[in-house]
Protein backbone atom coordinates (compact mmCIF):
# COMPACT_ATOMS: atom_id res chain seq x y z
CA UNK A 1 61.81 30.98 20.35
CA UNK A 2 59.67 28.63 18.27
CA UNK A 3 59.91 24.95 19.10
CA UNK A 4 57.65 22.42 17.40
CA UNK A 5 58.62 18.76 17.58
CA UNK A 6 56.45 15.90 16.36
CA UNK A 7 56.89 12.16 16.49
CA UNK A 8 58.70 10.48 13.60
CA UNK A 9 56.36 9.41 10.81
CA UNK A 10 57.18 5.74 11.32
CA UNK A 11 55.58 5.87 14.77
CA UNK A 12 52.33 7.62 13.75
CA UNK A 13 49.22 5.54 14.37
CA UNK A 14 45.53 5.59 15.20
CA UNK A 15 44.91 4.80 18.87
CA UNK A 16 41.60 3.69 20.30
CA UNK A 17 42.44 1.73 23.43
CA UNK A 18 44.69 -0.82 25.04
CA UNK A 19 43.48 -4.23 26.13
CA UNK A 20 44.39 -7.08 28.42
CA UNK A 21 45.56 -4.82 31.24
CA UNK A 22 44.27 -2.98 34.31
CA UNK A 23 45.32 0.39 32.93
CA UNK A 24 42.85 3.21 32.31
CA UNK A 25 43.73 6.49 30.60
CA UNK A 26 41.73 9.56 31.66
CA UNK A 27 41.63 12.18 28.90
CA UNK A 28 40.20 15.70 29.10
CA UNK A 29 39.04 17.69 26.06
CA UNK A 30 38.19 21.33 25.36
CA UNK A 31 40.30 23.13 27.98
CA UNK A 32 42.12 24.66 29.65
CA UNK A 33 39.24 26.34 31.49
CA UNK A 34 39.83 28.66 34.43
CA UNK A 35 37.89 27.48 37.48
CA UNK A 36 37.62 23.93 36.14
CA UNK A 37 40.97 22.71 34.85
CA UNK A 38 42.77 24.07 37.90
CA UNK A 39 40.39 22.19 40.21
CA UNK A 40 40.82 19.01 38.16
CA UNK A 41 44.59 19.37 38.51
CA UNK A 42 44.23 19.65 42.28
CA UNK A 43 42.17 16.44 42.36
CA UNK A 44 44.59 14.54 40.13
CA UNK A 45 47.52 15.66 42.27
CA UNK A 46 45.80 14.58 45.48
CA UNK A 47 44.95 11.18 44.00
CA UNK A 48 48.40 10.80 42.38
CA UNK A 49 46.88 10.29 38.95
CA UNK A 50 48.40 11.37 35.63
CA UNK A 51 46.15 12.18 32.68
CA UNK A 52 46.17 13.49 29.11
CA UNK A 53 44.70 16.89 28.20
CA UNK A 54 43.65 17.63 24.61
CA UNK A 55 43.71 21.41 24.53
CA UNK A 56 42.23 24.09 22.28
CA UNK A 57 44.68 26.69 21.01
CA UNK A 58 42.33 29.63 21.57
CA UNK A 59 41.93 28.63 25.22
CA UNK A 60 45.66 28.12 25.64
CA UNK A 61 46.17 31.71 24.54
CA UNK A 62 43.75 32.88 27.25
CA UNK A 63 45.11 30.64 30.00
CA UNK A 64 48.83 30.03 29.40
CA UNK A 65 49.41 29.58 33.12
CA UNK A 66 46.99 26.66 33.27
CA UNK A 67 48.66 25.07 30.26
CA UNK A 68 52.04 25.39 31.95
CA UNK A 69 50.65 23.90 35.16
CA UNK A 70 49.31 20.87 33.27
CA UNK A 71 52.80 20.19 32.00
CA UNK A 72 54.59 20.94 35.27
CA UNK A 73 52.29 18.54 37.11
CA UNK A 74 53.50 15.76 34.83
CA UNK A 75 50.42 15.39 32.66
CA UNK A 76 50.42 14.89 28.92
CA UNK A 77 49.24 17.49 26.40
CA UNK A 78 47.57 16.71 23.09
CA UNK A 79 46.23 18.88 20.27
CA UNK A 80 42.46 19.38 19.83
CA UNK A 81 42.71 22.07 17.09
CA UNK A 82 42.63 25.81 17.69
CA UNK A 83 38.88 26.50 17.44
CA UNK A 84 37.29 23.06 18.03
CA UNK A 85 36.32 23.04 14.36
CA UNK A 86 34.79 19.89 12.91
CA UNK A 87 37.36 18.44 10.51
CA UNK A 88 34.58 17.89 7.95
CA UNK A 89 33.96 21.67 7.87
CA UNK A 90 37.47 22.72 6.86
CA UNK A 91 39.95 21.68 4.20
CA UNK A 92 43.28 20.03 4.85
CA UNK A 93 45.24 23.27 4.67
CA UNK A 94 43.06 24.91 7.30
CA UNK A 95 43.30 21.85 9.54
CA UNK A 96 47.09 21.88 9.35
CA UNK A 97 47.14 25.59 10.20
CA UNK A 98 44.93 25.02 13.26
CA UNK A 99 46.97 22.11 14.54
CA UNK A 100 50.29 23.84 13.88
CA UNK A 101 49.17 27.00 15.66
CA UNK A 102 48.05 25.01 18.69
CA UNK A 103 51.20 22.90 18.83
CA UNK A 104 53.35 26.02 18.57
CA UNK A 105 51.51 27.58 21.50
CA UNK A 106 51.96 24.47 23.63
CA UNK A 107 55.63 24.14 22.73
CA UNK A 108 56.40 27.80 23.34
CA UNK A 109 54.55 28.01 26.67
CA UNK A 110 55.26 24.60 28.18
CA UNK A 111 58.42 23.64 26.33
CA UNK A 112 57.08 20.20 25.42
CA UNK A 113 56.50 18.56 22.03
CA UNK A 114 53.01 17.56 20.90
CA UNK A 115 52.65 14.05 19.49
CA UNK A 116 48.91 13.44 19.96
CA UNK A 117 45.88 14.78 18.10
CA UNK A 118 42.21 14.20 18.87
CA UNK A 119 39.72 15.36 16.22
CA UNK A 120 36.79 17.40 17.58
CA UNK A 121 33.63 15.26 17.81
CA UNK A 122 35.77 12.16 17.23
CA UNK A 123 35.60 12.08 13.45
CA UNK A 124 38.19 12.54 10.73
CA UNK A 125 38.35 11.30 7.15
CA UNK A 126 41.20 9.26 5.70
CA UNK A 127 42.75 12.11 3.71
CA UNK A 128 43.00 14.49 6.65
CA UNK A 129 44.23 11.71 8.91
CA UNK A 130 47.08 11.04 6.48
CA UNK A 131 47.96 14.74 6.41
CA UNK A 132 48.31 14.77 10.18
CA UNK A 133 50.22 11.50 10.28
CA UNK A 134 52.74 13.00 7.86
CA UNK A 135 53.32 15.65 10.52
CA UNK A 136 53.99 12.84 12.99
CA UNK A 137 50.76 13.00 15.01
CA UNK A 138 49.19 9.93 16.57
CA UNK A 139 45.40 10.18 16.13
CA UNK A 140 43.70 9.44 19.46
CA UNK A 141 40.06 8.45 19.84
CA UNK A 142 38.48 6.85 22.89
CA UNK A 143 36.81 3.61 23.92
CA UNK A 144 34.57 4.92 26.72
CA UNK A 145 32.76 8.25 26.81
CA UNK A 146 31.58 9.75 30.09
CA UNK A 147 28.80 11.66 28.28
CA UNK A 148 29.67 14.65 30.46
CA UNK A 149 29.04 17.40 27.93
CA UNK A 150 26.05 19.66 27.27
CA UNK A 151 23.23 18.27 25.14
CA UNK A 152 20.49 20.48 23.72
CA UNK A 153 17.31 20.10 25.74
CA UNK A 154 18.93 17.88 28.36
CA UNK A 155 21.87 19.78 29.73
CA UNK A 156 24.73 17.89 31.38
CA UNK A 157 24.50 14.66 33.36
CA UNK A 158 24.65 15.12 37.15
CA UNK A 159 27.93 14.04 38.78
CA UNK A 160 26.57 10.75 40.17
CA UNK A 161 25.36 9.75 36.71
CA UNK A 162 28.77 10.52 35.19
CA UNK A 163 30.46 8.36 37.82
CA UNK A 164 28.02 5.49 37.30
CA UNK A 165 28.38 5.58 33.53
CA UNK A 166 32.18 5.32 33.64
CA UNK A 167 32.58 2.89 36.55
CA UNK A 168 29.87 0.51 35.33
CA UNK A 169 31.26 0.31 31.79
CA UNK A 170 35.02 0.49 32.23
CA UNK A 171 37.29 -2.27 30.92
CA UNK A 172 41.04 -2.71 31.10
CA UNK A 173 42.87 -0.56 28.58
CA UNK A 174 40.07 1.97 28.14
CA UNK A 175 40.76 5.51 27.03
CA UNK A 176 38.06 7.53 28.81
CA UNK A 177 36.70 10.73 27.25
CA UNK A 178 36.04 13.55 29.74
CA UNK A 179 35.78 17.34 29.38
CA UNK A 180 37.45 19.92 31.60
CA UNK A 181 34.90 22.68 31.08
CA UNK A 182 32.06 22.03 33.56
CA UNK A 183 31.55 21.90 37.32
CA UNK A 184 29.88 18.48 36.97
CA UNK A 185 33.13 16.77 36.04
CA UNK A 186 34.91 18.50 38.94
CA UNK A 187 32.31 17.05 41.32
CA UNK A 188 32.35 13.62 39.67
CA UNK A 189 36.11 13.10 39.33
CA UNK A 190 37.09 12.28 42.94
CA UNK A 191 34.44 9.59 43.30
CA UNK A 192 35.20 8.20 39.85
CA UNK A 193 38.89 7.83 40.61
CA UNK A 194 38.31 6.28 44.02
CA UNK A 195 35.84 3.72 42.66
CA UNK A 196 38.13 2.79 39.78
CA UNK A 197 41.00 2.31 42.23
CA UNK A 198 38.81 0.06 44.37
CA UNK A 199 38.12 -2.04 41.28
CA UNK A 200 41.87 -2.50 40.83
CA UNK A 201 42.50 -0.12 37.96
CA UNK A 202 45.67 1.94 37.62
CA UNK A 203 45.96 5.17 35.65
CA UNK A 204 48.21 5.90 32.68
CA UNK A 205 48.76 8.64 30.17
CA UNK A 206 47.88 7.84 26.55
CA UNK A 207 51.55 7.72 25.60
CA UNK A 208 52.12 5.07 28.26
CA UNK A 209 49.42 2.92 26.69
CA UNK A 210 51.10 3.60 23.37
CA UNK A 211 54.51 2.51 24.65
CA UNK A 212 53.00 -0.66 26.07
CA UNK A 213 51.38 -1.31 22.72
CA UNK A 214 54.68 -1.07 20.88
CA UNK A 215 56.25 -3.61 23.21
CA UNK A 216 53.35 -6.01 23.68
CA UNK A 217 51.14 -5.19 20.68
CA UNK A 218 48.12 -4.59 22.89
CA UNK A 219 46.80 -1.48 21.16
CA UNK A 220 43.87 -1.64 18.80
CA UNK A 221 44.50 0.00 15.41
CA UNK A 222 41.22 0.56 13.58
CA UNK A 223 42.80 2.66 10.86
CA UNK A 224 40.25 1.44 8.31
CA UNK A 225 37.42 3.08 10.31
CA UNK A 226 38.32 6.75 10.41
CA UNK A 227 34.97 8.52 10.48
CA UNK A 228 33.52 6.94 13.61
CA UNK A 229 34.44 6.63 17.24
CA UNK A 230 33.83 4.05 19.94
CA UNK A 231 31.68 5.24 22.86
CA UNK A 232 29.89 2.45 24.69
């Protein structure tokens, strides 16, 4: 049975971060990945932390059990396209097909609606953003990147460097970009969470930051800057 539910158009927005709070939102892109996402879920459960996972449709098809576990553990699921295609490389029709296919997979497997979309590589032009907003998606970027992904000629940061980068730069309201597709983030995550807790931060899903923003107007909305992302 097909079930696709999106947020009402009136609530669609561009989300970068919250501010003026001790909340931090951990977000994971590019999964679910067997041998990584499942270990991350174990860590989050042990630390009693909820997070947001921006999933790829092609990986959801391969690992439906992991997708279901993300939902059953109380985490939030967002759409990261089907193939991790740069939005600049496809037209609006193709983008809508990729997002719809991914949202249908999530809804059919986990039984939950998908309200959030994160563009691969953190860039999307105004026209495509409007297309997605008409479907009811909130467009989610990030305010702090862990730089935990593979770079040509350099590889991936070691776990201690990932921890240092996040903990030394974090500010209240940050949406932190992480990736659930490497062993380095599995090794880094426990120490990162513990150090953030010691600094007095609490963890929230992106939608919880969003709800706070609607009530207290604490969310940034940089809708005029749609082709760049913040990554200090």
